[in-house]
């Protein structure tokens, strides 16, 4: 299989004097996104040699806690959906979604 096209997703992080994020923006030109502001990002990269996940979680100082809770909930739901598409394990995906509903209930989030 030969690569026919490459694509880039870029993040720009504006830091304060202590290297704490104040601004986050991202660009994905193929998706029509140019310098779009964000308050938080979570990136997971699979290291197939070490069989380990590399992670980067960043959020700005002014990310509201209620939005962070919602961000986590939506990320968990998306992970359940992705897990099902990737593995076709419907039983575990349903279990993950049950946890997501429990998570939302305990945090009193509106679904």
N, C-alpha and C. Protein backbone atom coordinates (compact mmCIF):
# COMPACT_ATOMS: atom_id res chain seq x y z
N UNK A 1 0.85 -1.18 0.00
CA UNK A 1 0.00 0.00 0.00
C UNK A 1 0.90 1.24 0.00
N UNK A 2 0.66 2.14 -0.92
CA UNK A 2 1.47 3.35 -0.96
C UNK A 2 0.62 4.55 -0.54
N UNK A 3 1.26 5.48 0.12
CA UNK A 3 0.58 6.69 0.59
C UNK A 3 0.23 7.56 -0.60
N UNK A 4 -1.02 7.95 -0.70
CA UNK A 4 -1.49 8.78 -1.80
C UNK A 4 -1.61 10.25 -1.40
N UNK A 5 -1.76 10.49 -0.12
CA UNK A 5 -1.98 11.84 0.37
C UNK A 5 -1.53 11.90 1.83
N UNK A 6 -1.07 13.02 2.26
CA UNK A 6 -0.79 13.22 3.68
C UNK A 6 -1.64 14.40 4.16
N UNK A 7 -1.88 14.40 5.43
CA UNK A 7 -2.70 15.44 6.05
C UNK A 7 -2.09 15.80 7.39
N UNK A 8 -2.28 17.05 7.81
CA UNK A 8 -1.73 17.48 9.08
C UNK A 8 -2.82 18.07 9.96
N UNK A 9 -2.68 17.82 11.24
CA UNK A 9 -3.48 18.48 12.26
C UNK A 9 -2.47 19.15 13.19
N UNK A 10 -2.61 20.45 13.34
CA UNK A 10 -1.66 21.22 14.14
C UNK A 10 -2.35 21.88 15.33
N UNK A 11 -1.66 21.87 16.46
CA UNK A 11 -2.13 22.53 17.67
C UNK A 11 -1.13 23.62 18.02
N UNK A 12 -1.66 24.77 18.40
CA UNK A 12 -0.80 25.84 18.88
C UNK A 12 -1.24 26.16 20.30
N UNK A 13 -0.29 26.12 21.23
CA UNK A 13 -0.58 26.31 22.64
C UNK A 13 0.11 27.58 23.11
N UNK A 14 -0.67 28.56 23.56
CA UNK A 14 -0.12 29.79 24.13
C UNK A 14 0.06 29.59 25.63
N UNK A 15 1.29 29.74 26.10
CA UNK A 15 1.61 29.47 27.50
C UNK A 15 1.91 30.75 28.28
N UNK A 16 1.67 30.72 29.59
CA UNK A 16 2.06 31.84 30.44
C UNK A 16 3.53 31.66 30.85
N UNK A 17 4.01 32.50 31.73
CA UNK A 17 5.42 32.45 32.15
C UNK A 17 5.78 31.15 32.85
N UNK A 18 4.79 30.44 33.40
CA UNK A 18 5.02 29.16 34.06
C UNK A 18 4.72 27.96 33.16
N UNK A 19 4.53 28.24 31.87
CA UNK A 19 4.24 27.23 30.86
C UNK A 19 2.90 26.52 31.09
N UNK A 20 1.94 27.27 31.64
CA UNK A 20 0.58 26.79 31.81
C UNK A 20 -0.24 27.30 30.63
N UNK A 21 -1.01 26.44 29.98
CA UNK A 21 -1.77 26.87 28.80
C UNK A 21 -2.77 28.00 29.10
N UNK A 22 -2.71 29.03 28.29
CA UNK A 22 -3.68 30.12 28.34
C UNK A 22 -4.58 30.11 27.12
N UNK A 23 -4.03 29.66 25.99
CA UNK A 23 -4.79 29.60 24.74
C UNK A 23 -4.44 28.32 23.99
N UNK A 24 -5.44 27.74 23.37
CA UNK A 24 -5.24 26.57 22.52
C UNK A 24 -5.98 26.83 21.22
N UNK A 25 -5.31 26.58 20.11
CA UNK A 25 -5.99 26.65 18.82
C UNK A 25 -5.49 25.49 17.97
N UNK A 26 -6.31 25.12 16.99
CA UNK A 26 -5.94 24.00 16.14
C UNK A 26 -6.36 24.24 14.71
N UNK A 27 -5.62 23.58 13.81
CA UNK A 27 -5.86 23.70 12.38
C UNK A 27 -5.84 22.30 11.77
N UNK A 28 -6.85 22.02 10.96
CA UNK A 28 -6.93 20.79 10.17
C UNK A 28 -7.48 21.22 8.82
N UNK A 29 -6.60 21.67 7.95
CA UNK A 29 -7.02 22.26 6.68
C UNK A 29 -7.88 21.33 5.85
N UNK A 30 -7.58 20.03 5.85
CA UNK A 30 -8.40 19.09 5.08
C UNK A 30 -9.83 19.02 5.59
N UNK A 31 -10.03 19.36 6.86
CA UNK A 31 -11.36 19.37 7.45
C UNK A 31 -12.00 20.75 7.46
N UNK A 32 -11.30 21.72 6.88
CA UNK A 32 -11.83 23.07 6.82
C UNK A 32 -11.71 23.85 8.12
N UNK A 33 -10.83 23.40 8.99
CA UNK A 33 -10.65 24.07 10.28
C UNK A 33 -9.34 24.84 10.25
N UNK A 34 -9.45 26.15 10.46
CA UNK A 34 -8.27 27.00 10.44
C UNK A 34 -8.21 27.81 11.74
N UNK A 35 -7.19 27.56 12.52
CA UNK A 35 -6.92 28.34 13.74
C UNK A 35 -8.16 28.45 14.63
N UNK A 36 -8.81 27.33 14.90
CA UNK A 36 -10.03 27.30 15.72
C UNK A 36 -9.65 27.24 17.20
N UNK A 37 -10.25 28.11 18.00
CA UNK A 37 -9.96 28.15 19.44
C UNK A 37 -10.58 26.95 20.15
N UNK A 38 -9.92 26.53 21.21
CA UNK A 38 -10.41 25.45 22.06
C UNK A 38 -9.96 25.71 23.48
N UNK A 39 -10.64 25.10 24.43
CA UNK A 39 -10.26 25.24 25.84
C UNK A 39 -9.54 24.00 26.36
N UNK A 40 -9.65 22.87 25.63
CA UNK A 40 -9.02 21.64 26.12
C UNK A 40 -8.80 20.67 24.96
N UNK A 41 -7.76 19.84 25.11
CA UNK A 41 -7.50 18.76 24.15
C UNK A 41 -7.04 17.53 24.92
N UNK A 42 -7.38 16.37 24.37
CA UNK A 42 -6.88 15.08 24.86
C UNK A 42 -6.37 14.34 23.64
N UNK A 43 -5.13 13.93 23.67
CA UNK A 43 -4.56 13.20 22.55
C UNK A 43 -3.96 11.90 23.08
N UNK A 44 -4.32 10.80 22.43
CA UNK A 44 -3.75 9.49 22.75
C UNK A 44 -3.07 8.95 21.51
N UNK A 45 -1.87 8.45 21.68
CA UNK A 45 -1.11 7.87 20.58
C UNK A 45 -0.65 6.47 21.01
N UNK A 46 -0.92 5.48 20.16
CA UNK A 46 -0.53 4.11 20.47
C UNK A 46 0.89 3.85 20.02
N UNK A 47 1.76 3.47 20.96
CA UNK A 47 3.13 3.07 20.66
C UNK A 47 3.11 1.55 20.48
N UNK A 48 3.06 1.10 19.23
CA UNK A 48 2.92 -0.34 18.98
C UNK A 48 4.16 -1.13 19.37
N UNK A 49 5.31 -0.49 19.45
CA UNK A 49 6.52 -1.20 19.86
C UNK A 49 6.51 -1.50 21.36
N UNK A 50 6.11 -0.51 22.14
CA UNK A 50 6.06 -0.67 23.60
C UNK A 50 4.72 -1.20 24.09
N UNK A 51 3.74 -1.26 23.18
CA UNK A 51 2.39 -1.67 23.55
C UNK A 51 1.87 -0.79 24.70
N UNK A 52 2.00 0.52 24.50
CA UNK A 52 1.64 1.49 25.53
C UNK A 52 1.03 2.73 24.88
N UNK A 53 0.21 3.42 25.63
CA UNK A 53 -0.43 4.63 25.15
C UNK A 53 0.33 5.84 25.66
N UNK A 54 0.63 6.74 24.74
CA UNK A 54 1.24 8.02 25.09
C UNK A 54 0.11 9.04 25.11
N UNK A 55 0.07 9.88 26.13
CA UNK A 55 -1.05 10.81 26.29
C UNK A 55 -0.59 12.24 26.49
N UNK A 56 -1.43 13.14 26.01
CA UNK A 56 -1.22 14.55 26.27
C UNK A 56 -2.60 15.16 26.53
N UNK A 57 -2.80 15.64 27.74
CA UNK A 57 -4.05 16.29 28.12
C UNK A 57 -3.71 17.73 28.52
N UNK A 58 -4.32 18.68 27.83
CA UNK A 58 -4.07 20.09 28.12
C UNK A 58 -5.40 20.82 28.21
N UNK A 59 -5.48 21.78 29.11
CA UNK A 59 -6.64 22.66 29.18
C UNK A 59 -6.17 24.03 29.64
N UNK A 60 -6.91 25.03 29.24
CA UNK A 60 -6.55 26.40 29.57
C UNK A 60 -6.97 26.73 31.00
N UNK A 61 -6.35 27.77 31.55
CA UNK A 61 -6.65 28.19 32.91
C UNK A 61 -8.12 28.54 33.10
N UNK A 62 -8.72 29.04 32.03
CA UNK A 62 -10.11 29.51 32.16
C UNK A 62 -11.14 28.47 31.69
N UNK A 63 -10.73 27.21 31.59
CA UNK A 63 -11.69 26.15 31.25
C UNK A 63 -12.61 25.94 32.45
N UNK A 64 -13.91 26.21 32.30
CA UNK A 64 -14.83 26.05 33.43
C UNK A 64 -14.95 24.57 33.84
N UNK A 65 -15.05 24.32 35.13
CA UNK A 65 -15.14 22.97 35.65
C UNK A 65 -16.36 22.25 35.09
N UNK A 66 -17.50 22.94 34.98
CA UNK A 66 -18.70 22.27 34.46
C UNK A 66 -18.50 21.85 33.00
N UNK A 67 -17.77 22.64 32.23
CA UNK A 67 -17.48 22.26 30.85
C UNK A 67 -16.47 21.12 30.80
N UNK A 68 -15.53 21.08 31.74
CA UNK A 68 -14.56 19.98 31.80
C UNK A 68 -15.29 18.67 32.08
N UNK A 69 -16.26 18.69 32.97
CA UNK A 69 -17.04 17.49 33.26
C UNK A 69 -17.80 17.02 32.02
N UNK A 70 -18.38 17.96 31.31
CA UNK A 70 -19.11 17.63 30.08
C UNK A 70 -18.15 17.10 29.01
N UNK A 71 -16.97 17.72 28.91
CA UNK A 71 -15.94 17.28 27.96
C UNK A 71 -15.54 15.84 28.23
N UNK A 72 -15.32 15.50 29.50
CA UNK A 72 -14.96 14.13 29.86
C UNK A 72 -16.09 13.16 29.52
N UNK A 73 -17.32 13.55 29.85
CA UNK A 73 -18.45 12.67 29.55
C UNK A 73 -18.56 12.41 28.06
N UNK A 74 -18.50 13.45 27.25
CA UNK A 74 -18.61 13.28 25.81
C UNK A 74 -17.45 12.46 25.25
N UNK A 75 -16.27 12.62 25.84
CA UNK A 75 -15.11 11.83 25.41
C UNK A 75 -15.32 10.36 25.73
N UNK A 76 -15.85 10.06 26.91
CA UNK A 76 -16.13 8.67 27.28
C UNK A 76 -17.16 8.05 26.35
N UNK A 77 -18.22 8.78 26.03
CA UNK A 77 -19.24 8.28 25.10
C UNK A 77 -18.61 8.01 23.73
N UNK A 78 -17.79 8.94 23.26
CA UNK A 78 -17.13 8.76 21.96
C UNK A 78 -16.20 7.55 21.98
N UNK A 79 -15.53 7.32 23.11
CA UNK A 79 -14.65 6.15 23.22
C UNK A 79 -15.45 4.86 23.15
N UNK A 80 -16.62 4.83 23.75
CA UNK A 80 -17.48 3.64 23.67
C UNK A 80 -17.89 3.39 22.22
N UNK A 81 -18.25 4.46 21.51
CA UNK A 81 -18.63 4.32 20.10
C UNK A 81 -17.45 3.83 19.25
N UNK A 82 -16.29 4.42 19.47
CA UNK A 82 -15.10 4.03 18.71
C UNK A 82 -14.70 2.59 19.03
N UNK A 83 -14.79 2.22 20.30
CA UNK A 83 -14.46 0.86 20.71
C UNK A 83 -15.35 -0.15 19.97
N UNK A 84 -16.64 0.17 19.86
CA UNK A 84 -17.54 -0.74 19.16
C UNK A 84 -17.20 -0.84 17.68
N UNK A 85 -16.93 0.30 17.04
CA UNK A 85 -16.56 0.27 15.61
C UNK A 85 -15.24 -0.48 15.39
N UNK A 86 -14.30 -0.32 16.31
CA UNK A 86 -12.98 -0.93 16.14
C UNK A 86 -12.95 -2.42 16.45
N UNK A 87 -13.79 -2.86 17.39
CA UNK A 87 -13.72 -4.25 17.86
C UNK A 87 -14.97 -5.07 17.57
N UNK A 88 -16.05 -4.41 17.28
CA UNK A 88 -17.36 -5.04 17.12
C UNK A 88 -17.79 -5.77 18.39
N UNK A 89 -17.27 -5.35 19.53
CA UNK A 89 -17.63 -5.92 20.82
C UNK A 89 -18.81 -5.13 21.38
N UNK A 90 -20.00 -5.54 21.00
CA UNK A 90 -21.20 -4.81 21.37
C UNK A 90 -21.52 -4.90 22.85
N UNK A 91 -21.21 -6.04 23.45
CA UNK A 91 -21.50 -6.21 24.88
C UNK A 91 -20.67 -5.26 25.73
N UNK A 92 -19.36 -5.18 25.46
CA UNK A 92 -18.52 -4.28 26.25
C UNK A 92 -18.84 -2.82 25.94
N UNK A 93 -19.18 -2.52 24.70
CA UNK A 93 -19.56 -1.16 24.33
C UNK A 93 -20.80 -0.73 25.10
N UNK A 94 -21.76 -1.62 25.23
CA UNK A 94 -22.97 -1.33 26.00
C UNK A 94 -22.63 -1.10 27.47
N UNK A 95 -21.70 -1.89 27.99
CA UNK A 95 -21.26 -1.72 29.38
C UNK A 95 -20.60 -0.36 29.56
N UNK A 96 -19.79 0.02 28.60
CA UNK A 96 -19.14 1.34 28.65
C UNK A 96 -20.19 2.45 28.63
N UNK A 97 -21.21 2.30 27.79
CA UNK A 97 -22.27 3.31 27.71
C UNK A 97 -23.07 3.37 29.01
N UNK A 98 -23.26 2.21 29.66
CA UNK A 98 -23.92 2.20 30.97
C UNK A 98 -23.12 3.03 31.96
N UNK A 99 -21.79 2.87 31.94
CA UNK A 99 -20.95 3.67 32.82
C UNK A 99 -21.07 5.16 32.48
N UNK A 100 -21.13 5.47 31.20
CA UNK A 100 -21.27 6.87 30.78
C UNK A 100 -22.57 7.47 31.33
N UNK A 101 -23.65 6.71 31.30
CA UNK A 101 -24.92 7.17 31.84
C UNK A 101 -24.81 7.38 33.35
N UNK A 102 -24.14 6.46 34.03
CA UNK A 102 -23.91 6.58 35.48
C UNK A 102 -23.07 7.82 35.78
N UNK A 103 -22.01 8.01 35.01
CA UNK A 103 -21.12 9.17 35.14
C UNK A 103 -21.93 10.46 35.01
N UNK A 104 -22.76 10.55 33.98
CA UNK A 104 -23.57 11.74 33.72
C UNK A 104 -24.57 11.95 34.86
N UNK A 105 -25.17 10.87 35.33
CA UNK A 105 -26.13 10.98 36.44
C UNK A 105 -25.46 11.51 37.70
N UNK A 106 -24.31 10.96 38.05
CA UNK A 106 -23.62 11.37 39.27
C UNK A 106 -23.13 12.82 39.19
N UNK A 107 -22.78 13.26 37.98
CA UNK A 107 -22.34 14.65 37.82
C UNK A 107 -23.50 15.60 37.49
N UNK A 108 -24.70 15.01 37.42
CA UNK A 108 -25.90 15.78 37.11
C UNK A 108 -25.76 16.53 35.79
N UNK A 109 -25.27 15.81 34.78
CA UNK A 109 -25.14 16.36 33.44
C UNK A 109 -26.40 16.06 32.66
N UNK A 110 -26.77 16.95 31.78
CA UNK A 110 -27.89 16.70 30.89
C UNK A 110 -27.36 15.97 29.67
N UNK A 111 -28.01 14.86 29.30
CA UNK A 111 -27.57 14.12 28.12
C UNK A 111 -28.36 14.51 26.91
